C-alpha atoms as a PDB file:
ATOM      1  CA  MET A   1      -0.065   0.264   0.172  1.00  0.00           C
ATOM      2  CA  THR A   2       1.435   3.352  -0.683  1.00  0.00           C
ATOM      3  CA  LEU A   3      -1.062   6.548  -0.019  1.00  0.00           C
ATOM      4  CA  HIS A   4      -4.299   5.542   2.235  1.00  0.00           C
ATOM      5  CA  ALA A   5      -6.687   8.458   3.042  1.00  0.00           C
ATOM      6  CA  THR A   6      -9.542   7.739   5.571  1.00  0.00           C
ATOM      7  CA  ARG A   7     -12.911   9.895   6.343  1.00  0.00           C
ATOM      8  CA  LEU A   8     -11.022  12.706   4.460  1.00  0.00           C
ATOM      9  CA  THR A   9     -12.461  16.374   4.687  1.00  0.00           C
ATOM     10  CA  LEU A  10     -10.852  19.178   2.741  1.00  0.00           C
ATOM     11  CA  ALA A  11     -11.798  22.695   3.184  1.00  0.00           C
ATOM     12  CA  TYR A  12     -11.018  26.251   2.740  1.00  0.00           C
ATOM     13  CA  GLY A  13     -12.396  28.373   5.777  1.00  0.00           C
ATOM     14  CA  GLN A  14     -15.899  27.074   6.208  1.00  0.00           C
ATOM     15  CA  HIS A  15     -16.456  25.723   2.901  1.00  0.00           C
ATOM     16  CA  THR A  16     -15.806  21.960   2.168  1.00  0.00           C
ATOM     17  CA  ILE A  17     -14.377  21.374  -0.950  1.00  0.00           C
ATOM     18  CA  VAL A  18     -13.561  17.502  -0.600  1.00  0.00           C
ATOM     19  CA  ASP A  19     -15.254  14.786   1.206  1.00  0.00           C
ATOM     20  CA  ILE A  20     -14.056  11.295   0.698  1.00  0.00           C
ATOM     21  CA  PRO A  21     -14.723   8.226   3.050  1.00  0.00           C
ATOM     22  CA  GLU A  22     -11.741   6.165   1.946  1.00  0.00           C
ATOM     23  CA  LEU A  23      -9.214   6.222  -0.965  1.00  0.00           C
ATOM     24  CA  ARG A  24      -6.246   3.708  -1.427  1.00  0.00           C
ATOM     25  CA  LEU A  25      -3.661   4.183  -4.125  1.00  0.00           C
ATOM     26  CA  GLU A  26      -1.862   1.633  -5.077  1.00  0.00           C
ATOM     27  CA  ARG A  27       1.870   1.198  -5.371  1.00  0.00           C
ATOM     28  CA  GLY A  28       3.397   1.130  -8.916  1.00  0.00           C
ATOM     29  CA  LYS A  29       0.383   2.561 -10.703  1.00  0.00           C
ATOM     30  CA  VAL A  30      -0.389   5.534 -12.826  1.00  0.00           C
ATOM     31  CA  SER A  31      -3.721   7.052 -11.246  1.00  0.00           C
ATOM     32  CA  CYS A  32      -5.522   9.970 -12.947  1.00  0.00           C
ATOM     33  CA  LEU A  33      -7.890  12.371 -11.378  1.00  0.00           C
ATOM     34  CA  VAL A  34     -10.506  13.933 -13.946  1.00  0.00           C
ATOM     35  CA  GLY A  35     -13.355  16.070 -13.425  1.00  0.00           C
ATOM     36  CA  PRO A  36     -14.742  19.705 -14.295  1.00  0.00           C
ATOM     37  CA  ASN A  37     -12.990  22.736 -12.798  1.00  0.00           C
ATOM     38  CA  GLY A  38     -13.560  23.505  -9.231  1.00  0.00           C
ATOM     39  CA  CYS A  39     -14.550  19.832  -8.483  1.00  0.00           C
ATOM     40  CA  GLY A  40     -11.818  19.247  -6.172  1.00  0.00           C
ATOM     41  CA  LYS A  41      -9.177  17.558  -7.949  1.00  0.00           C
ATOM     42  CA  SER A  42      -6.344  19.991  -6.872  1.00  0.00           C
ATOM     43  CA  THR A  43      -7.291  20.218  -3.599  1.00  0.00           C
ATOM     44  CA  LEU A  44      -7.586  16.397  -2.805  1.00  0.00           C
ATOM     45  CA  LEU A  45      -3.762  16.419  -4.574  1.00  0.00           C
ATOM     46  CA  LYS A  46      -2.377  18.813  -2.254  1.00  0.00           C
ATOM     47  CA  ALA A  47      -3.628  17.060   0.831  1.00  0.00           C
ATOM     48  CA  LEU A  48      -2.284  13.538  -0.527  1.00  0.00           C
ATOM     49  CA  GLY A  49       1.107  15.267  -0.802  1.00  0.00           C
ATOM     50  CA  GLY A  50       0.837  16.912   2.668  1.00  0.00           C
ATOM     51  CA  LEU A  51       0.665  20.326   1.506  1.00  0.00           C
ATOM     52  CA  LEU A  52      -2.921  21.107   2.662  1.00  0.00           C
ATOM     53  CA  ARG A  53      -3.917  20.173   6.520  1.00  0.00           C
ATOM     54  CA  PRO A  54      -7.196  17.778   6.281  1.00  0.00           C
ATOM     55  CA  ALA A  55     -10.098  19.580   8.286  1.00  0.00           C
ATOM     56  CA  SER A  56     -10.596  16.153   9.426  1.00  0.00           C
ATOM     57  CA  GLY A  57      -9.325  12.629   8.544  1.00  0.00           C
ATOM     58  CA  THR A  58      -5.984  11.234   7.807  1.00  0.00           C
ATOM     59  CA  VAL A  59      -3.566  10.646   5.008  1.00  0.00           C
ATOM     60  CA  ARG A  60      -1.269   7.788   5.658  1.00  0.00           C
ATOM     61  CA  LEU A  61       1.789   6.827   3.931  1.00  0.00           C
ATOM     62  CA  ASP A  62       2.545   3.274   4.576  1.00  0.00           C
ATOM     63  CA  GLU A  63       0.088   3.464   7.407  1.00  0.00           C
ATOM     64  CA  ARG A  64       1.931   6.330   9.305  1.00  0.00           C
ATOM     65  CA  PRO A  65       0.201   9.546   9.047  1.00  0.00           C
ATOM     66  CA  LEU A  66       2.052  12.253   6.761  1.00  0.00           C
ATOM     67  CA  SER A  67       1.881  14.633   9.463  1.00  0.00           C
ATOM     68  CA  ASP A  68       4.393  12.376  11.681  1.00  0.00           C
ATOM     69  CA  TRP A  69       6.898  12.338   8.750  1.00  0.00           C
ATOM     70  CA  GLU A  70      10.184  14.145   8.859  1.00  0.00           C
ATOM     71  CA  PRO A  71      10.094  16.704   6.083  1.00  0.00           C
ATOM     72  CA  LYS A  72      13.109  15.473   4.168  1.00  0.00           C
ATOM     73  CA  ALA A  73      12.166  11.951   4.963  1.00  0.00           C
ATOM     74  CA  LEU A  74       8.724  12.373   3.391  1.00  0.00           C
ATOM     75  CA  ALA A  75      10.306  14.215   0.288  1.00  0.00           C
ATOM     76  CA  ARG A  76      12.388  11.316  -0.288  1.00  0.00           C
ATOM     77  CA  ARG A  77       9.385   9.291  -0.858  1.00  0.00           C
ATOM     78  CA  LEU A  78       6.904  11.736  -2.188  1.00  0.00           C
ATOM     79  CA  ALA A  79       7.249  14.523  -4.618  1.00  0.00           C
ATOM     80  CA  SER A  80       4.595  16.958  -5.546  1.00  0.00           C
ATOM     81  CA  LEU A  81       4.607  19.176  -8.670  1.00  0.00           C
ATOM     82  CA  PRO A  82       1.602  21.805  -8.065  1.00  0.00           C
ATOM     83  CA  GLN A  83      -0.072  23.943 -10.593  1.00  0.00           C
ATOM     84  CA  SER A  84       1.783  26.990 -11.600  1.00  0.00           C
ATOM     85  CA  PRO A  85       4.817  26.809  -9.347  1.00  0.00           C
ATOM     86  CA  SER A  86       6.989  30.042  -9.081  1.00  0.00           C
ATOM     87  CA  ALA A  87      10.896  30.617  -9.289  1.00  0.00           C
ATOM     88  CA  PRO A  88      13.170  33.584  -9.284  1.00  0.00           C
ATOM     89  CA  ASP A  89      13.681  35.164 -12.824  1.00  0.00           C
ATOM     90  CA  ASP A  90      17.434  34.952 -12.621  1.00  0.00           C
ATOM     91  CA  ILE A  91      17.489  31.224 -11.651  1.00  0.00           C
ATOM     92  CA  SER A  92      18.894  29.021 -14.416  1.00  0.00           C
ATOM     93  CA  VAL A  93      17.511  25.905 -15.440  1.00  0.00           C
ATOM     94  CA  ARG A  94      20.216  23.595 -13.803  1.00  0.00           C
ATOM     95  CA  GLN A  95      19.963  25.370 -10.867  1.00  0.00           C
ATOM     96  CA  LEU A  96      16.077  24.982 -10.738  1.00  0.00           C
ATOM     97  CA  VAL A  97      16.228  21.409 -11.293  1.00  0.00           C
ATOM     98  CA  GLY A  98      19.078  21.184  -8.539  1.00  0.00           C
ATOM     99  CA  HIS A  99      16.433  22.104  -6.061  1.00  0.00           C
ATOM    100  CA  GLY A 100      15.167  18.732  -6.447  1.00  0.00           C
ATOM    101  CA  ARG A 101      18.080  17.270  -4.604  1.00  0.00           C
ATOM    102  CA  TYR A 102      17.530  18.684  -1.497  1.00  0.00           C
ATOM    103  CA  PRO A 103      15.994  16.256   0.473  1.00  0.00           C
ATOM    104  CA  HIS A 104      19.091  13.973  -0.197  1.00  0.00           C
ATOM    105  CA  GLN A 105      21.847  16.624   0.825  1.00  0.00           C
ATOM    106  CA  ASP A 106      22.733  17.600   4.663  1.00  0.00           C
ATOM    107  CA  LEU A 107      22.360  21.058   5.759  1.00  0.00           C
ATOM    108  CA  LEU A 108      26.069  21.901   5.096  1.00  0.00           C
ATOM    109  CA  GLY A 109      26.773  19.717   2.019  1.00  0.00           C
ATOM    110  CA  GLY A 110      26.813  21.180  -1.366  1.00  0.00           C
ATOM    111  CA  ALA A 111      25.737  19.188  -4.495  1.00  0.00           C
ATOM    112  CA  SER A 112      27.852  15.594  -4.759  1.00  0.00           C
ATOM    113  CA  ALA A 113      28.890  13.801  -7.835  1.00  0.00           C
ATOM    114  CA  GLU A 114      25.778  11.914  -7.724  1.00  0.00           C
ATOM    115  CA  ASP A 115      23.469  14.941  -7.488  1.00  0.00           C
ATOM    116  CA  ARG A 116      24.975  16.725 -10.449  1.00  0.00           C
ATOM    117  CA  ALA A 117      24.432  13.192 -12.233  1.00  0.00           C
ATOM    118  CA  VAL A 118      20.883  12.859 -11.205  1.00  0.00           C
ATOM    119  CA  VAL A 119      20.281  16.674 -12.398  1.00  0.00           C
ATOM    120  CA  ASP A 120      21.927  15.824 -15.801  1.00  0.00           C
ATOM    121  CA  TRP A 121      19.696  12.816 -16.208  1.00  0.00           C
ATOM    122  CA  ALA A 122      16.639  14.621 -15.225  1.00  0.00           C
ATOM    123  CA  LEU A 123      17.363  17.450 -17.853  1.00  0.00           C
ATOM    124  CA  SER A 124      17.976  14.797 -20.721  1.00  0.00           C
ATOM    125  CA  ALA A 125      15.073  12.637 -19.755  1.00  0.00           C
ATOM    126  CA  THR A 126      12.721  15.844 -20.356  1.00  0.00           C
ATOM    127  CA  SER A 127      14.591  16.955 -23.552  1.00  0.00           C
ATOM    128  CA  ILE A 128      15.731  20.183 -22.230  1.00  0.00           C
ATOM    129  CA  ALA A 129      19.482  19.707 -21.532  1.00  0.00           C
ATOM    130  CA  HIS A 130      20.143  22.310 -24.413  1.00  0.00           C
ATOM    131  CA  LEU A 131      18.374  24.555 -22.195  1.00  0.00           C
ATOM    132  CA  ARG A 132      20.642  24.189 -18.840  1.00  0.00           C
ATOM    133  CA  GLU A 133      22.313  27.235 -18.423  1.00  0.00           C
ATOM    134  CA  ARG A 134      19.222  29.186 -19.624  1.00  0.00           C
ATOM    135  CA  ARG A 135      17.479  31.835 -17.381  1.00  0.00           C
ATOM    136  CA  PHE A 136      14.286  30.434 -16.257  1.00  0.00           C
ATOM    137  CA  ALA A 137      12.460  33.559 -17.228  1.00  0.00           C
ATOM    138  CA  THR A 138      13.416  33.416 -20.959  1.00  0.00           C
ATOM    139  CA  LEU A 139      11.798  29.904 -21.261  1.00  0.00           C
ATOM    140  CA  SER A 140       8.210  29.251 -22.928  1.00  0.00           C
ATOM    141  CA  GLY A 141       5.414  27.997 -20.807  1.00  0.00           C
ATOM    142  CA  GLY A 142       6.077  24.537 -22.060  1.00  0.00           C
ATOM    143  CA  GLU A 143       9.926  24.717 -21.585  1.00  0.00           C
ATOM    144  CA  ARG A 144       8.943  26.010 -18.114  1.00  0.00           C
ATOM    145  CA  GLN A 145       6.616  23.333 -17.595  1.00  0.00           C
ATOM    146  CA  ARG A 146       9.415  20.494 -18.444  1.00  0.00           C
ATOM    147  CA  ALA A 147      11.800  22.153 -16.183  1.00  0.00           C
ATOM    148  CA  TRP A 148       9.471  21.885 -13.452  1.00  0.00           C
ATOM    149  CA  LEU A 149       8.915  18.465 -14.148  1.00  0.00           C
ATOM    150  CA  ALA A 150      12.730  17.596 -14.459  1.00  0.00           C
ATOM    151  CA  MET A 151      13.139  19.069 -10.684  1.00  0.00           C
ATOM    152  CA  THR A 152      10.452  16.793  -9.767  1.00  0.00           C
ATOM    153  CA  LEU A 153      12.254  13.674 -11.127  1.00  0.00           C
ATOM    154  CA  ALA A 154      15.630  14.581  -9.843  1.00  0.00           C
ATOM    155  CA  GLN A 155      14.054  14.267  -6.330  1.00  0.00           C
ATOM    156  CA  GLN A 156      14.070  10.637  -7.234  1.00  0.00           C
ATOM    157  CA  ALA A 157      10.661   9.977  -5.263  1.00  0.00           C
ATOM    158  CA  GLU A 158       9.008   6.700  -5.635  1.00  0.00           C
ATOM    159  CA  ILE A 159       5.453   8.674  -5.569  1.00  0.00           C
ATOM    160  CA  LEU A 160       4.881  11.576  -7.989  1.00  0.00           C
ATOM    161  CA  LEU A 161       1.926  13.691  -7.496  1.00  0.00           C
ATOM    162  CA  LEU A 162       1.283  15.846 -10.692  1.00  0.00           C
ATOM    163  CA  ASP A 163      -0.928  18.570 -10.998  1.00  0.00           C
ATOM    164  CA  GLU A 164      -1.853  19.261 -14.715  1.00  0.00           C
ATOM    165  CA  PRO A 165       1.788  18.519 -15.980  1.00  0.00           C
ATOM    166  CA  THR A 166       0.962  19.061 -19.595  1.00  0.00           C
ATOM    167  CA  THR A 167      -0.349  22.522 -19.095  1.00  0.00           C
ATOM    168  CA  TYR A 168       1.197  24.894 -21.522  1.00  0.00           C
ATOM    169  CA  MET A 169       2.368  22.181 -23.798  1.00  0.00           C
ATOM    170  CA  ASP A 170       1.419  21.535 -27.568  1.00  0.00           C
ATOM    171  CA  MET A 171       0.079  17.965 -28.465  1.00  0.00           C
ATOM    172  CA  GLY A 172       3.290  16.762 -29.469  1.00  0.00           C
ATOM    173  CA  HIS A 173       5.035  17.751 -26.113  1.00  0.00           C
ATOM    174  CA  GLN A 174       2.106  16.442 -24.022  1.00  0.00           C
ATOM    175  CA  VAL A 175       2.322  13.017 -25.561  1.00  0.00           C
ATOM    176  CA  GLU A 176       6.103  13.031 -24.986  1.00  0.00           C
ATOM    177  CA  LEU A 177       5.875  13.714 -21.240  1.00  0.00           C
ATOM    178  CA  LEU A 178       3.095  11.310 -20.865  1.00  0.00           C
ATOM    179  CA  GLU A 179       5.184   8.404 -22.617  1.00  0.00           C
ATOM    180  CA  LEU A 180       8.140   9.452 -20.743  1.00  0.00           C
ATOM    181  CA  LEU A 181       5.938   9.060 -17.168  1.00  0.00           C
ATOM    182  CA  ALA A 182       4.768   5.806 -18.559  1.00  0.00           C
ATOM    183  CA  SER A 183       8.262   4.634 -19.189  1.00  0.00           C
ATOM    184  CA  LEU A 184       9.436   5.691 -15.752  1.00  0.00           C
ATOM    185  CA  GLN A 185       6.509   3.879 -14.093  1.00  0.00           C
ATOM    186  CA  ARG A 186       7.334   0.660 -15.820  1.00  0.00           C
ATOM    187  CA  ARG A 187      10.948   0.745 -15.483  1.00  0.00           C
ATOM    188  CA  HIS A 188      11.383   2.007 -11.932  1.00  0.00           C
ATOM    189  CA  GLY A 189       7.643   0.900 -10.549  1.00  0.00           C
ATOM    190  CA  LEU A 190       6.891   4.725  -9.697  1.00  0.00           C
ATOM    191  CA  THR A 191       3.468   5.370  -8.244  1.00  0.00           C
ATOM    192  CA  VAL A 192       1.979   8.246 -10.345  1.00  0.00           C
ATOM    193  CA  VAL A 193      -0.864  10.442  -9.382  1.00  0.00           C
ATOM    194  CA  MET A 194      -1.955  13.321 -11.770  1.00  0.00           C
ATOM    195  CA  VAL A 195      -4.525  15.403 -12.483  1.00  0.00           C
ATOM    196  CA  LEU A 196      -5.424  15.628 -16.402  1.00  0.00           C
ATOM    197  CA  HIS A 197      -8.074  17.448 -18.272  1.00  0.00           C
ATOM    198  CA  ASP A 198      -8.192  15.286 -21.211  1.00  0.00           C
ATOM    199  CA  ILE A 199     -10.181  12.389 -20.334  1.00  0.00           C
ATOM    200  CA  ASN A 200      -9.029  10.418 -23.465  1.00  0.00           C
ATOM    201  CA  GLN A 201      -5.252  10.885 -22.294  1.00  0.00           C
ATOM    202  CA  ALA A 202      -6.461   9.737 -18.792  1.00  0.00           C
ATOM    203  CA  SER A 203      -8.004   6.580 -20.316  1.00  0.00           C
ATOM    204  CA  GLN A 204      -4.866   6.104 -22.668  1.00  0.00           C
ATOM    205  CA  TYR A 205      -2.166   6.342 -20.009  1.00  0.00           C
ATOM    206  CA  ALA A 206      -3.629   5.623 -16.424  1.00  0.00           C
ATOM    207  CA  ASP A 207      -4.264   2.181 -14.641  1.00  0.00           C
ATOM    208  CA  ARG A 208      -6.902   3.436 -12.868  1.00  0.00           C
ATOM    209  CA  VAL A 209      -9.143   6.597 -13.335  1.00  0.00           C
ATOM    210  CA  LEU A 210     -10.851   8.399 -10.602  1.00  0.00           C
ATOM    211  CA  ALA A 211     -13.578  10.881 -11.581  1.00  0.00           C
ATOM    212  CA  MET A 212     -14.543  13.751  -9.281  1.00  0.00           C
ATOM    213  CA  TYR A 213     -17.733  15.706  -9.144  1.00  0.00           C
ATOM    214  CA  GLU A 214     -18.392  18.374  -6.350  1.00  0.00           C
ATOM    215  CA  GLY A 215     -15.745  17.330  -4.060  1.00  0.00           C
ATOM    216  CA  ARG A 216     -16.746  13.553  -4.376  1.00  0.00           C
ATOM    217  CA  ILE A 217     -15.488  10.675  -6.343  1.00  0.00           C
ATOM    218  CA  LEU A 218     -18.180   9.677  -8.736  1.00  0.00           C
ATOM    219  CA  ALA A 219     -16.616   6.970 -10.574  1.00  0.00           C
ATOM    220  CA  ASP A 220     -13.167   4.886  -9.708  1.00  0.00           C
ATOM    221  CA  GLY A 221     -11.643   1.925 -11.712  1.00  0.00           C
ATOM    222  CA  THR A 222      -9.617   0.979 -14.854  1.00  0.00           C
ATOM    223  CA  PRO A 223     -10.528   3.160 -17.742  1.00  0.00           C
ATOM    224  CA  ARG A 224     -12.512   0.454 -19.531  1.00  0.00           C
ATOM    225  CA  GLU A 225     -14.972   0.209 -16.377  1.00  0.00           C
ATOM    226  CA  VAL A 226     -15.134   3.961 -16.063  1.00  0.00           C
ATOM    227  CA  VAL A 227     -14.805   5.844 -19.274  1.00  0.00           C
ATOM    228  CA  ASP A 228     -18.041   6.262 -21.224  1.00  0.00           C
ATOM    229  CA  SER A 229     -20.263   8.443 -22.675  1.00  0.00           C
ATOM    230  CA  HIS A 230     -22.401   8.680 -19.444  1.00  0.00           C
ATOM    231  CA  LEU A 231     -19.375   9.818 -17.497  1.00  0.00           C
ATOM    232  CA  THR A 232     -18.788  12.871 -19.891  1.00  0.00           C
ATOM    233  CA  GLU A 233     -22.283  13.800 -19.698  1.00  0.00           C
ATOM    234  CA  ARG A 234     -22.360  13.593 -15.868  1.00  0.00           C
ATOM    235  CA  LEU A 235     -18.979  15.366 -15.318  1.00  0.00           C
ATOM    236  CA  PHE A 236     -18.878  18.027 -18.384  1.00  0.00           C
ATOM    237  CA  GLY A 237     -22.538  18.425 -19.750  1.00  0.00           C
ATOM    238  CA  LEU A 238     -21.069  16.846 -23.001  1.00  0.00           C
ATOM    239  CA  ARG A 239     -22.710  14.307 -25.349  1.00  0.00           C
ATOM    240  CA  THR A 240     -20.029  11.934 -26.504  1.00  0.00           C
ATOM    241  CA  GLU A 241     -19.653   8.504 -28.277  1.00  0.00           C
ATOM    242  CA  ARG A 242     -17.172   5.796 -26.776  1.00  0.00           C
ATOM    243  CA  ILE A 243     -15.278   4.227 -29.117  1.00  0.00           C
ATOM    244  CA  ASP A 244     -12.775   1.563 -28.343  1.00  0.00           C
ATOM    245  CA  ARG A 245      -9.244   1.269 -29.980  1.00  0.00           C
ATOM    246  CA  GLU A 246      -6.660  -1.737 -29.598  1.00  0.00           C
ATOM    247  CA  ILE A 247      -3.229  -0.282 -28.850  1.00  0.00           C
ATOM    248  CA  GLU A 248      -0.026  -2.291 -27.989  1.00  0.00           C
ATOM    249  CA  GLY A 249      -2.520  -5.152 -26.751  1.00  0.00           C
ATOM    250  CA  ARG A 250      -4.588  -2.866 -24.636  1.00  0.00           C
ATOM    251  CA  ARG A 251      -8.071  -2.040 -25.330  1.00  0.00           C
ATOM    252  CA  ILE A 252      -8.554   1.643 -24.560  1.00  0.00           C
ATOM    253  CA  PRO A 253     -11.666   3.668 -24.627  1.00  0.00           C
ATOM    254  CA  TYR A 254     -12.046   7.006 -26.198  1.00  0.00           C
ATOM    255  CA  CYS A 255     -14.782   9.541 -25.897  1.00  0.00           C
ATOM    256  CA  LEU A 256     -15.529  11.624 -29.025  1.00  0.00           C
ATOM    257  CA  PRO A 257     -17.683  14.739 -28.657  1.00  0.00           C
ATOM    258  CA  LEU A 258     -21.070  14.645 -30.586  1.00  0.00           C
ATOM    259  CA  PRO A 259     -22.342  17.664 -32.534  1.00  0.00           C
ATOM    260  CA  THR A 260     -24.629  20.154 -30.207  1.00  0.00           C
ATOM    261  CA  ASN A 261     -26.396  21.670 -33.008  1.00  0.00           C
ATOM    262  CA  GLY A 262     -25.358  24.991 -31.630  1.00  0.00           C
ATOM    263  CA  ALA A 263     -27.090  24.374 -28.573  1.00  0.00           C
ATOM    264  CA  ASN A 264     -25.225  24.659 -24.954  1.00  0.00           C
ATOM    265  CA  ALA A 265     -24.758  21.309 -23.671  1.00  0.00           C
ATOM    266  CA  HIS A 266     -25.060  22.433 -20.031  1.00  0.00           C
END
């Protein structure tokens, strides 16, 4: 078992955002959170990463509450990439990615040969090695997103929590990134939990899809069990047709939007 949330309630002030009786995330799987804007996906991801204190309930890593973990020890197990992180304009890409090595360094020690090798690997894995000396402020949106992902990978945690990691990327780079994550998951047994807006991408790359609506998990299962036209209409008010395709030995469901004849689907 990796992450286990029980009787989890998340709130901002007096307003409850997420209410989930129980959620278990299995080790070595890719899970995708999907759902409309404002349904609580990002809030749930923050709580799973220990970045948001629950109003009630507990999130445990290997049966130990996140609040009991020493921060560096937790960061060696679990890495979070939130939406729209920020960095100083004058920091270089290499320096930014190097911050991912913080959990592995002692208080006074500088970067080791291993740290530098891991940073080089993360830069190469995300196809931005040629940008290593560039100032972060000069990067495009997609380049910045890949730099943040490289920093997260440099942390070498076994659990990755990624909030919309394909933001600002064109279609080619989105697929490249998702293929990279799938490859890392297969080769290293990583546990990946990510928020995606594209339900078809979630269907193609996830072992498990968790559909959220108004702070609750509406559907939970494999893409073949969960992704269909009923779900897209419930989540997004969108009429779709489900089409299954065989890809590399897997039968993957895709939902194609149907014409609305100019009417608002909502």
